[in-house]
């Protein structure tokens, strides 16, 4: 069985990557001083990113618990999900602490 910590870590790393990429792209000189225009590209991009993120988080948080449940290990399934969620909550707490320290 794979470790819940790794799944939670992957979710946290994905969030850090997405936020870093958005900050990097928005800091490029091309986008400096550009007001948001009313176009369809930005909402479509944000909705696509939302769908991608939900799919990835669903996989990271639910794939192993569902497999365990199908295999008949109902208690292990709930335990794996709660451990993954707990580790991810720890990462969120670390993000909050870093936010207040910076």
PDB file of N, CA and C in Angstrom:
ATOM      1  N   UNK A   1       0.845  -1.179   0.000  1.00  0.00           N
ATOM      2  CA  UNK A   1       0.000   0.000   0.000  1.00  0.00           C
ATOM      3  C   UNK A   1       0.891   1.243   0.000  1.00  0.00           C
ATOM      4  N   UNK A   2       0.498   2.207  -0.788  1.00  0.00           N
ATOM      5  CA  UNK A   2       1.277   3.430  -0.869  1.00  0.00           C
ATOM      6  C   UNK A   2       1.025   4.290   0.358  1.00  0.00           C
ATOM      7  N   UNK A   3       1.950   5.168   0.632  1.00  0.00           N
ATOM      8  CA  UNK A   3       1.876   5.959   1.847  1.00  0.00           C
ATOM      9  C   UNK A   3       1.023   7.209   1.653  1.00  0.00           C
ATOM     10  N   UNK A   4       0.121   7.486   2.603  1.00  0.00           N
ATOM     11  CA  UNK A   4      -0.728   8.676   2.508  1.00  0.00           C
ATOM     12  C   UNK A   4       0.074   9.966   2.473  1.00  0.00           C
ATOM     13  N   UNK A   5       1.227   9.972   3.143  1.00  0.00           N
ATOM     14  CA  UNK A   5       2.062  11.174   3.166  1.00  0.00           C
ATOM     15  C   UNK A   5       2.469  11.583   1.757  1.00  0.00           C
ATOM     16  N   UNK A   6       2.812  10.621   0.912  1.00  0.00           N
ATOM     17  CA  UNK A   6       3.241  10.931  -0.452  1.00  0.00           C
ATOM     18  C   UNK A   6       2.116  11.547  -1.276  1.00  0.00           C
ATOM     19  N   UNK A   7       0.890  11.055  -1.084  1.00  0.00           N
ATOM     20  CA  UNK A   7      -0.243  11.617  -1.805  1.00  0.00           C
ATOM     21  C   UNK A   7      -0.504  13.055  -1.357  1.00  0.00           C
ATOM     22  N   UNK A   8      -0.449  13.296  -0.053  1.00  0.00           N
ATOM     23  CA  UNK A   8      -0.642  14.651   0.465  1.00  0.00           C
ATOM     24  C   UNK A   8       0.494  15.566   0.009  1.00  0.00           C
ATOM     25  N   UNK A   9       1.712  15.055  -0.014  1.00  0.00           N
ATOM     26  CA  UNK A   9       2.855  15.842  -0.469  1.00  0.00           C
ATOM     27  C   UNK A   9       2.698  16.215  -1.942  1.00  0.00           C
ATOM     28  N   UNK A  10       2.261  15.278  -2.754  1.00  0.00           N
ATOM     29  CA  UNK A  10       2.038  15.577  -4.176  1.00  0.00           C
ATOM     30  C   UNK A  10       0.983  16.664  -4.355  1.00  0.00           C
ATOM     31  N   UNK A  11      -0.070  16.627  -3.559  1.00  0.00           N
ATOM     32  CA  UNK A  11      -1.108  17.661  -3.637  1.00  0.00           C
ATOM     33  C   UNK A  11      -0.532  19.024  -3.254  1.00  0.00           C
ATOM     34  N   UNK A  12       0.264  19.069  -2.203  1.00  0.00           N
ATOM     35  CA  UNK A  12       0.872  20.325  -1.768  1.00  0.00           C
ATOM     36  C   UNK A  12       1.860  20.851  -2.802  1.00  0.00           C
ATOM     37  N   UNK A  13       2.666  19.976  -3.358  1.00  0.00           N
ATOM     38  CA  UNK A  13       3.638  20.384  -4.384  1.00  0.00           C
ATOM     39  C   UNK A  13       2.914  20.901  -5.625  1.00  0.00           C
ATOM     40  N   UNK A  14       1.809  20.272  -5.993  1.00  0.00           N
ATOM     41  CA  UNK A  14       1.021  20.738  -7.139  1.00  0.00           C
ATOM     42  C   UNK A  14       0.523  22.158  -6.888  1.00  0.00           C
ATOM     43  N   UNK A  15       0.016  22.423  -5.702  1.00  0.00           N
ATOM     44  CA  UNK A  15      -0.486  23.760  -5.379  1.00  0.00           C
ATOM     45  C   UNK A  15       0.647  24.776  -5.422  1.00  0.00           C
ATOM     46  N   UNK A  16       1.789  24.434  -4.847  1.00  0.00           N
ATOM     47  CA  UNK A  16       2.939  25.340  -4.879  1.00  0.00           C
ATOM     48  C   UNK A  16       3.368  25.602  -6.321  1.00  0.00           C
ATOM     49  N   UNK A  17       3.375  24.573  -7.145  1.00  0.00           N
ATOM     50  CA  UNK A  17       3.759  24.729  -8.550  1.00  0.00           C
ATOM     51  C   UNK A  17       2.800  25.654  -9.295  1.00  0.00           C
ATOM     52  N   UNK A  18       1.502  25.446  -9.131  1.00  0.00           N
ATOM     53  CA  UNK A  18       0.506  26.265  -9.831  1.00  0.00           C
ATOM     54  C   UNK A  18       0.608  27.718  -9.404  1.00  0.00           C
ATOM     55  N   UNK A  19       0.695  27.972  -8.112  1.00  0.00           N
ATOM     56  CA  UNK A  19       0.790  29.351  -7.622  1.00  0.00           C
ATOM     57  C   UNK A  19       2.089  30.003  -8.091  1.00  0.00           C
ATOM     58  N   UNK A  20       3.183  29.262  -8.056  1.00  0.00           N
ATOM     59  CA  UNK A  20       4.462  29.803  -8.519  1.00  0.00           C
ATOM     60  C   UNK A  20       4.410  30.127 -10.009  1.00  0.00           C
ATOM     61  N   UNK A  21       3.806  29.255 -10.789  1.00  0.00           N
ATOM     62  CA  UNK A  21       3.699  29.493 -12.226  1.00  0.00           C
ATOM     63  C   UNK A  21       2.845  30.726 -12.518  1.00  0.00           C
ATOM     64  N   UNK A  22       1.737  30.877 -11.805  1.00  0.00           N
ATOM     65  CA  UNK A  22       0.879  32.051 -12.009  1.00  0.00           C
ATOM     66  C   UNK A  22       1.619  33.323 -11.620  1.00  0.00           C
ATOM     67  N   UNK A  23       2.328  33.293 -10.495  1.00  0.00           N
ATOM     68  CA  UNK A  23       3.103  34.476 -10.079  1.00  0.00           C
ATOM     69  C   UNK A  23       4.202  34.801 -11.080  1.00  0.00           C
ATOM     70  N   UNK A  24       4.876  33.778 -11.584  1.00  0.00           N
ATOM     71  CA  UNK A  24       5.955  34.005 -12.548  1.00  0.00           C
ATOM     72  C   UNK A  24       5.412  34.617 -13.833  1.00  0.00           C
ATOM     73  N   UNK A  25       4.345  34.033 -14.357  1.00  0.00           N
ATOM     74  CA  UNK A  25       3.786  34.526 -15.617  1.00  0.00           C
ATOM     75  C   UNK A  25       3.256  35.946 -15.447  1.00  0.00           C
ATOM     76  N   UNK A  26       2.609  36.224 -14.326  1.00  0.00           N
ATOM     77  CA  UNK A  26       2.061  37.570 -14.133  1.00  0.00           C
ATOM     78  C   UNK A  26       3.143  38.613 -13.886  1.00  0.00           C
ATOM     79  N   UNK A  27       4.351  38.192 -13.507  1.00  0.00           N
ATOM     80  CA  UNK A  27       5.434  39.144 -13.273  1.00  0.00           C
ATOM     81  C   UNK A  27       6.256  39.434 -14.533  1.00  0.00           C
ATOM     82  N   UNK A  28       5.962  38.733 -15.618  1.00  0.00           N
ATOM     83  CA  UNK A  28       6.686  38.982 -16.867  1.00  0.00           C
ATOM     84  C   UNK A  28       6.402  40.392 -17.369  1.00  0.00           C
ATOM     85  N   UNK A  29       7.398  41.025 -17.984  1.00  0.00           N
ATOM     86  CA  UNK A  29       7.209  42.402 -18.473  1.00  0.00           C
ATOM     87  C   UNK A  29       6.045  42.555 -19.453  1.00  0.00           C
ATOM     88  N   UNK A  30       5.721  41.498 -20.154  1.00  0.00           N
ATOM     89  CA  UNK A  30       4.629  41.550 -21.120  1.00  0.00           C
ATOM     90  C   UNK A  30       3.310  41.889 -20.428  1.00  0.00           C
ATOM     91  N   UNK A  31       3.147  41.422 -19.181  1.00  0.00           N
ATOM     92  CA  UNK A  31       1.888  41.607 -18.474  1.00  0.00           C
ATOM     93  C   UNK A  31       1.898  42.792 -17.508  1.00  0.00           C
ATOM     94  N   UNK A  32       2.979  43.530 -17.414  1.00  0.00           N
ATOM     95  CA  UNK A  32       3.053  44.666 -16.508  1.00  0.00           C
ATOM     96  C   UNK A  32       2.230  45.826 -17.056  1.00  0.00           C
ATOM     97  N   UNK A  33       1.350  46.347 -16.242  1.00  0.00           N
ATOM     98  CA  UNK A  33       0.547  47.497 -16.632  1.00  0.00           C
ATOM     99  C   UNK A  33      -0.595  47.183 -17.565  1.00  0.00           C
ATOM    100  N   UNK A  34      -0.865  45.908 -17.800  1.00  0.00           N
ATOM    101  CA  UNK A  34      -1.952  45.532 -18.697  1.00  0.00           C
ATOM    102  C   UNK A  34      -3.212  45.345 -17.864  1.00  0.00           C
ATOM    103  N   UNK A  35      -4.232  46.087 -18.203  1.00  0.00           N
ATOM    104  CA  UNK A  35      -5.516  45.950 -17.527  1.00  0.00           C
ATOM    105  C   UNK A  35      -6.221  44.708 -18.070  1.00  0.00           C
ATOM    106  N   UNK A  36      -7.044  44.100 -17.246  1.00  0.00           N
ATOM    107  CA  UNK A  36      -7.791  42.932 -17.698  1.00  0.00           C
ATOM    108  C   UNK A  36      -8.824  43.314 -18.744  1.00  0.00           C
ATOM    109  N   UNK A  37      -8.787  42.643 -19.832  1.00  0.00           N
ATOM    110  CA  UNK A  37      -9.747  42.900 -20.898  1.00  0.00           C
ATOM    111  C   UNK A  37     -10.895  41.915 -20.780  1.00  0.00           C
ATOM    112  N   UNK A  38     -12.038  42.325 -21.271  1.00  0.00           N
ATOM    113  CA  UNK A  38     -13.179  41.423 -21.298  1.00  0.00           C
ATOM    114  C   UNK A  38     -13.041  40.498 -22.501  1.00  0.00           C
ATOM    115  N   UNK A  39     -12.505  39.342 -22.244  1.00  0.00           N
ATOM    116  CA  UNK A  39     -12.403  38.344 -23.306  1.00  0.00           C
ATOM    117  C   UNK A  39     -12.722  36.978 -22.723  1.00  0.00           C
ATOM    118  N   UNK A  40     -12.803  36.000 -23.559  1.00  0.00           N
ATOM    119  CA  UNK A  40     -13.180  34.664 -23.117  1.00  0.00           C
ATOM    120  C   UNK A  40     -11.997  33.802 -22.692  1.00  0.00           C
ATOM    121  N   UNK A  41     -10.793  34.229 -23.022  1.00  0.00           N
ATOM    122  CA  UNK A  41      -9.632  33.383 -22.762  1.00  0.00           C
ATOM    123  C   UNK A  41      -9.366  33.187 -21.262  1.00  0.00           C
ATOM    124  N   UNK A  42      -9.435  34.238 -20.472  1.00  0.00           N
ATOM    125  CA  UNK A  42      -9.142  34.117 -19.046  1.00  0.00           C
ATOM    126  C   UNK A  42     -10.154  33.222 -18.320  1.00  0.00           C
ATOM    127  N   UNK A  43     -11.465  33.425 -18.488  1.00  0.00           N
ATOM    128  CA  UNK A  43     -12.404  32.510 -17.811  1.00  0.00           C
ATOM    129  C   UNK A  43     -12.259  31.064 -18.266  1.00  0.00           C
ATOM    130  N   UNK A  44     -11.990  30.852 -19.559  1.00  0.00           N
ATOM    131  CA  UNK A  44     -11.817  29.483 -20.039  1.00  0.00           C
ATOM    132  C   UNK A  44     -10.567  28.853 -19.425  1.00  0.00           C
ATOM    133  N   UNK A  45      -9.500  29.627 -19.312  1.00  0.00           N
ATOM    134  CA  UNK A  45      -8.264  29.114 -18.723  1.00  0.00           C
ATOM    135  C   UNK A  45      -8.460  28.785 -17.248  1.00  0.00           C
ATOM    136  N   UNK A  46      -9.118  29.663 -16.512  1.00  0.00           N
ATOM    137  CA  UNK A  46      -9.340  29.428 -15.078  1.00  0.00           C
ATOM    138  C   UNK A  46     -10.264  28.229 -14.851  1.00  0.00           C
ATOM    139  N   UNK A  47     -11.293  28.091 -15.683  1.00  0.00           N
ATOM    140  CA  UNK A  47     -12.185  26.939 -15.549  1.00  0.00           C
ATOM    141  C   UNK A  47     -11.450  25.647 -15.889  1.00  0.00           C
ATOM    142  N   UNK A  48     -10.612  25.681 -16.909  1.00  0.00           N
ATOM    143  CA  UNK A  48      -9.821  24.499 -17.265  1.00  0.00           C
ATOM    144  C   UNK A  48      -8.856  24.136 -16.141  1.00  0.00           C
ATOM    145  N   UNK A  49      -8.238  25.143 -15.539  1.00  0.00           N
ATOM    146  CA  UNK A  49      -7.330  24.889 -14.412  1.00  0.00           C
ATOM    147  C   UNK A  49      -8.093  24.325 -13.220  1.00  0.00           C
ATOM    148  N   UNK A  50      -9.304  24.823 -12.978  1.00  0.00           N
ATOM    149  CA  UNK A  50     -10.134  24.289 -11.899  1.00  0.00           C
ATOM    150  C   UNK A  50     -10.469  22.819 -12.139  1.00  0.00           C
ATOM    151  N   UNK A  51     -10.876  22.487 -13.352  1.00  0.00           N
ATOM    152  CA  UNK A  51     -11.227  21.102 -13.676  1.00  0.00           C
ATOM    153  C   UNK A  51     -10.002  20.194 -13.540  1.00  0.00           C
ATOM    154  N   UNK A  52      -8.855  20.649 -14.027  1.00  0.00           N
ATOM    155  CA  UNK A  52      -7.620  19.877 -13.893  1.00  0.00           C
ATOM    156  C   UNK A  52      -7.272  19.662 -12.421  1.00  0.00           C
ATOM    157  N   UNK A  53      -7.393  20.714 -11.626  1.00  0.00           N
ATOM    158  CA  UNK A  53      -7.056  20.620 -10.207  1.00  0.00           C
ATOM    159  C   UNK A  53      -8.004  19.682  -9.465  1.00  0.00           C
ATOM    160  N   UNK A  54      -9.288  19.773  -9.745  1.00  0.00           N
ATOM    161  CA  UNK A  54     -10.258  18.887  -9.090  1.00  0.00           C
ATOM    162  C   UNK A  54      -9.991  17.434  -9.468  1.00  0.00           C
ATOM    163  N   UNK A  55      -9.708  17.190 -10.734  1.00  0.00           N
ATOM    164  CA  UNK A  55      -9.424  15.821 -11.172  1.00  0.00           C
ATOM    165  C   UNK A  55      -8.164  15.277 -10.491  1.00  0.00           C
ATOM    166  N   UNK A  56      -7.110  16.091 -10.441  1.00  0.00           N
ATOM    167  CA  UNK A  56      -5.866  15.642  -9.825  1.00  0.00           C
ATOM    168  C   UNK A  56      -6.036  15.424  -8.324  1.00  0.00           C
ATOM    169  N   UNK A  57      -6.696  16.350  -7.644  1.00  0.00           N
ATOM    170  CA  UNK A  57      -6.910  16.192  -6.201  1.00  0.00           C
ATOM    171  C   UNK A  57      -7.819  15.004  -5.911  1.00  0.00           C
ATOM    172  N   UNK A  58      -8.828  14.798  -6.768  1.00  0.00           N
ATOM    173  CA  UNK A  58      -9.682  13.625  -6.599  1.00  0.00           C
ATOM    174  C   UNK A  58      -8.888  12.341  -6.716  1.00  0.00           C
ATOM    175  N   UNK A  59      -7.989  12.306  -7.688  1.00  0.00           N
ATOM    176  CA  UNK A  59      -7.137  11.126  -7.836  1.00  0.00           C
ATOM    177  C   UNK A  59      -6.239  10.947  -6.617  1.00  0.00           C
ATOM    178  N   UNK A  60      -5.576  12.024  -6.191  1.00  0.00           N
ATOM    179  CA  UNK A  60      -4.623  11.913  -5.085  1.00  0.00           C
ATOM    180  C   UNK A  60      -5.302  11.535  -3.766  1.00  0.00           C
ATOM    181  N   UNK A  61      -6.512  12.049  -3.536  1.00  0.00           N
ATOM    182  CA  UNK A  61      -7.164  11.796  -2.258  1.00  0.00           C
ATOM    183  C   UNK A  61      -8.063  10.559  -2.267  1.00  0.00           C
ATOM    184  N   UNK A  62      -8.558  10.146  -3.437  1.00  0.00           N
ATOM    185  CA  UNK A  62      -9.556   9.084  -3.452  1.00  0.00           C
ATOM    186  C   UNK A  62      -9.133   7.794  -4.142  1.00  0.00           C
ATOM    187  N   UNK A  63      -8.079   7.802  -4.956  1.00  0.00           N
ATOM    188  CA  UNK A  63      -7.760   6.595  -5.727  1.00  0.00           C
ATOM    189  C   UNK A  63      -7.428   5.402  -4.832  1.00  0.00           C
ATOM    190  N   UNK A  64      -6.523   5.576  -3.908  1.00  0.00           N
ATOM    191  CA  UNK A  64      -6.153   4.457  -3.033  1.00  0.00           C
ATOM    192  C   UNK A  64      -7.289   4.043  -2.096  1.00  0.00           C
ATOM    193  N   UNK A  65      -7.991   4.999  -1.460  1.00  0.00           N
ATOM    194  CA  UNK A  65      -9.118   4.559  -0.626  1.00  0.00           C
ATOM    195  C   UNK A  65     -10.184   3.782  -1.402  1.00  0.00           C
ATOM    196  N   UNK A  66     -10.475   4.193  -2.626  1.00  0.00           N
ATOM    197  CA  UNK A  66     -11.470   3.461  -3.418  1.00  0.00           C
ATOM    198  C   UNK A  66     -10.960   2.058  -3.752  1.00  0.00           C
ATOM    199  N   UNK A  67      -9.683   1.939  -4.119  1.00  0.00           N
ATOM    200  CA  UNK A  67      -9.122   0.609  -4.396  1.00  0.00           C
ATOM    201  C   UNK A  67      -9.172  -0.286  -3.158  1.00  0.00           C
ATOM    202  N   UNK A  68      -8.833   0.290  -2.010  1.00  0.00           N
ATOM    203  CA  UNK A  68      -8.897  -0.495  -0.772  1.00  0.00           C
ATOM    204  C   UNK A  68     -10.331  -0.918  -0.467  1.00  0.00           C
ATOM    205  N   UNK A  69     -11.278  -0.018  -0.695  1.00  0.00           N
ATOM    206  CA  UNK A  69     -12.685  -0.327  -0.443  1.00  0.00           C
ATOM    207  C   UNK A  69     -13.164  -1.451  -1.363  1.00  0.00           C
ATOM    208  N   UNK A  70     -12.783  -1.383  -2.629  1.00  0.00           N
ATOM    209  CA  UNK A  70     -13.177  -2.417  -3.589  1.00  0.00           C
ATOM    210  C   UNK A  70     -12.569  -3.764  -3.213  1.00  0.00           C
ATOM    211  N   UNK A  71     -11.340  -3.732  -2.680  1.00  0.00           N
ATOM    212  CA  UNK A  71     -10.679  -4.970  -2.259  1.00  0.00           C
ATOM    213  C   UNK A  71     -11.259  -5.527  -0.966  1.00  0.00           C
ATOM    214  N   UNK A  72     -12.170  -4.785  -0.331  1.00  0.00           N
ATOM    215  CA  UNK A  72     -12.820  -5.272   0.888  1.00  0.00           C
ATOM    216  C   UNK A  72     -12.246  -4.735   2.176  1.00  0.00           C
ATOM    217  N   UNK A  73     -11.250  -3.901   2.111  1.00  0.00           N
ATOM    218  CA  UNK A  73     -10.636  -3.341   3.316  1.00  0.00           C
ATOM    219  C   UNK A  73     -11.270  -1.978   3.619  1.00  0.00           C
ATOM    220  N   UNK A  74     -12.487  -2.029   4.155  1.00  0.00           N
ATOM    221  CA  UNK A  74     -13.241  -0.797   4.389  1.00  0.00           C
ATOM    222  C   UNK A  74     -12.583   0.070   5.468  1.00  0.00           C
ATOM    223  N   UNK A  75     -12.133  -0.554   6.528  1.00  0.00           N
ATOM    224  CA  UNK A  75     -11.486   0.201   7.608  1.00  0.00           C
ATOM    225  C   UNK A  75     -10.178   0.808   7.121  1.00  0.00           C
ATOM    226  N   UNK A  76      -9.398   0.052   6.358  1.00  0.00           N
ATOM    227  CA  UNK A  76      -8.151   0.563   5.798  1.00  0.00           C
ATOM    228  C   UNK A  76      -8.392   1.697   4.822  1.00  0.00           C
ATOM    229  N   UNK A  77      -9.506   1.619   4.104  1.00  0.00           N
ATOM    230  CA  UNK A  77      -9.867   2.655   3.149  1.00  0.00           C
ATOM    231  C   UNK A  77     -10.116   3.987   3.850  1.00  0.00           C
ATOM    232  N   UNK A  78     -10.928   3.951   4.886  1.00  0.00           N
ATOM    233  CA  UNK A  78     -11.220   5.174   5.647  1.00  0.00           C
ATOM    234  C   UNK A  78      -9.956   5.673   6.334  1.00  0.00           C
ATOM    235  N   UNK A  79      -9.176   4.763   6.875  1.00  0.00           N
ATOM    236  CA  UNK A  79      -7.937   5.131   7.559  1.00  0.00           C
ATOM    237  C   UNK A  79      -6.963   5.816   6.604  1.00  0.00           C
ATOM    238  N   UNK A  80      -6.814   5.271   5.390  1.00  0.00           N
ATOM    239  CA  UNK A  80      -5.912   5.861   4.401  1.00  0.00           C
ATOM    240  C   UNK A  80      -6.369   7.259   4.022  1.00  0.00           C
ATOM    241  N   UNK A  81      -7.681   7.405   3.773  1.00  0.00           N
ATOM    242  CA  UNK A  81      -8.217   8.719   3.404  1.00  0.00           C
ATOM    243  C   UNK A  81      -7.998   9.734   4.516  1.00  0.00           C
ATOM    244  N   UNK A  82      -8.292   9.361   5.753  1.00  0.00           N
ATOM    245  CA  UNK A  82      -8.132  10.297   6.871  1.00  0.00           C
ATOM    246  C   UNK A  82      -6.666  10.660   7.116  1.00  0.00           C
ATOM    247  N   UNK A  83      -5.774   9.694   6.929  1.00  0.00           N
ATOM    248  CA  UNK A  83      -4.347   9.992   7.069  1.00  0.00           C
ATOM    249  C   UNK A  83      -3.889  10.962   5.982  1.00  0.00           C
ATOM    250  N   UNK A  84      -4.313  10.722   4.747  1.00  0.00           N
ATOM    251  CA  UNK A  84      -3.956  11.623   3.647  1.00  0.00           C
ATOM    252  C   UNK A  84      -4.491  13.019   3.920  1.00  0.00           C
ATOM    253  N   UNK A  85      -5.732  13.099   4.343  1.00  0.00           N
ATOM    254  CA  UNK A  85      -6.342  14.389   4.655  1.00  0.00           C
ATOM    255  C   UNK A  85      -5.622  15.065   5.818  1.00  0.00           C
ATOM    256  N   UNK A  86      -5.242  14.293   6.820  1.00  0.00           N
ATOM    257  CA  UNK A  86      -4.515  14.844   7.967  1.00  0.00           C
ATOM    258  C   UNK A  86      -3.149  15.388   7.577  1.00  0.00           C
ATOM    259  N   UNK A  87      -2.413  14.636   6.773  1.00  0.00           N
ATOM    260  CA  UNK A  87      -1.116  15.128   6.310  1.00  0.00           C
ATOM    261  C   UNK A  87      -1.276  16.395   5.475  1.00  0.00           C
ATOM    262  N   UNK A  88      -2.303  16.416   4.619  1.00  0.00           N
ATOM    263  CA  UNK A  88      -2.531  17.612   3.812  1.00  0.00           C
ATOM    264  C   UNK A  88      -2.900  18.800   4.704  1.00  0.00           C
ATOM    265  N   UNK A  89      -3.680  18.563   5.741  1.00  0.00           N
ATOM    266  CA  UNK A  89      -4.012  19.635   6.695  1.00  0.00           C
ATOM    267  C   UNK A  89      -2.746  20.174   7.358  1.00  0.00           C
ATOM    268  N   UNK A  90      -1.792  19.307   7.632  1.00  0.00           N
ATOM    269  CA  UNK A  90      -0.506  19.752   8.191  1.00  0.00           C
ATOM    270  C   UNK A  90       0.236  20.652   7.203  1.00  0.00           C
ATOM    271  N   UNK A  91       0.207  20.280   5.926  1.00  0.00           N
ATOM    272  CA  UNK A  91       0.840  21.122   4.906  1.00  0.00           C
ATOM    273  C   UNK A  91       0.146  22.482   4.817  1.00  0.00           C
ATOM    274  N   UNK A  92      -1.175  22.485   4.892  1.00  0.00           N
ATOM    275  CA  UNK A  92      -1.921  23.754   4.871  1.00  0.00           C
ATOM    276  C   UNK A  92      -1.539  24.600   6.076  1.00  0.00           C
ATOM    277  N   UNK A  93      -1.403  23.980   7.227  1.00  0.00           N
ATOM    278  CA  UNK A  93      -0.979  24.704   8.427  1.00  0.00           C
ATOM    279  C   UNK A  93       0.414  25.299   8.240  1.00  0.00           C
ATOM    280  N   UNK A  94       1.313  24.547   7.615  1.00  0.00           N
ATOM    281  CA  UNK A  94       2.658  25.068   7.329  1.00  0.00           C
ATOM    282  C   UNK A  94       2.564  26.267   6.388  1.00  0.00           C
ATOM    283  N   UNK A  95       1.702  26.181   5.353  1.00  0.00           N
ATOM    284  CA  UNK A  95       1.511  27.310   4.441  1.00  0.00           C
ATOM    285  C   UNK A  95       1.032  28.543   5.193  1.00  0.00           C
ATOM    286  N   UNK A  96       0.088  28.351   6.125  1.00  0.00           N
ATOM    287  CA  UNK A  96      -0.445  29.478   6.896  1.00  0.00           C
ATOM    288  C   UNK A  96       0.631  30.083   7.779  1.00  0.00           C
ATOM    289  N   UNK A  97       1.414  29.253   8.432  1.00  0.00           N
ATOM    290  CA  UNK A  97       2.500  29.762   9.305  1.00  0.00           C
ATOM    291  C   UNK A  97       3.508  30.539   8.474  1.00  0.00           C
ATOM    292  N   UNK A  98       3.890  29.998   7.326  1.00  0.00           N
ATOM    293  CA  UNK A  98       4.845  30.707   6.453  1.00  0.00           C
ATOM    294  C   UNK A  98       4.255  32.033   5.996  1.00  0.00           C
ATOM    295  N   UNK A  99       2.963  32.058   5.689  1.00  0.00           N
ATOM    296  CA  UNK A  99       2.320  33.286   5.241  1.00  0.00           C
ATOM    297  C   UNK A  99       2.393  34.369   6.308  1.00  0.00           C
ATOM    298  N   UNK A 100       2.183  33.993   7.557  1.00  0.00           N
ATOM    299  CA  UNK A 100       2.231  34.985   8.617  1.00  0.00           C
ATOM    300  C   UNK A 100       3.652  35.397   9.001  1.00  0.00           C
ATOM    301  N   UNK A 101       4.618  34.531   8.734  1.00  0.00           N
ATOM    302  CA  UNK A 101       6.014  34.865   9.054  1.00  0.00           C
ATOM    303  C   UNK A 101       6.667  35.726   7.989  1.00  0.00           C
ATOM    304  N   UNK A 102       6.174  35.678   6.765  1.00  0.00           N
ATOM    305  CA  UNK A 102       6.788  36.459   5.684  1.00  0.00           C
ATOM    306  C   UNK A 102       6.172  37.803   5.557  1.00  0.00           C
TER     307      UNK A 102
END
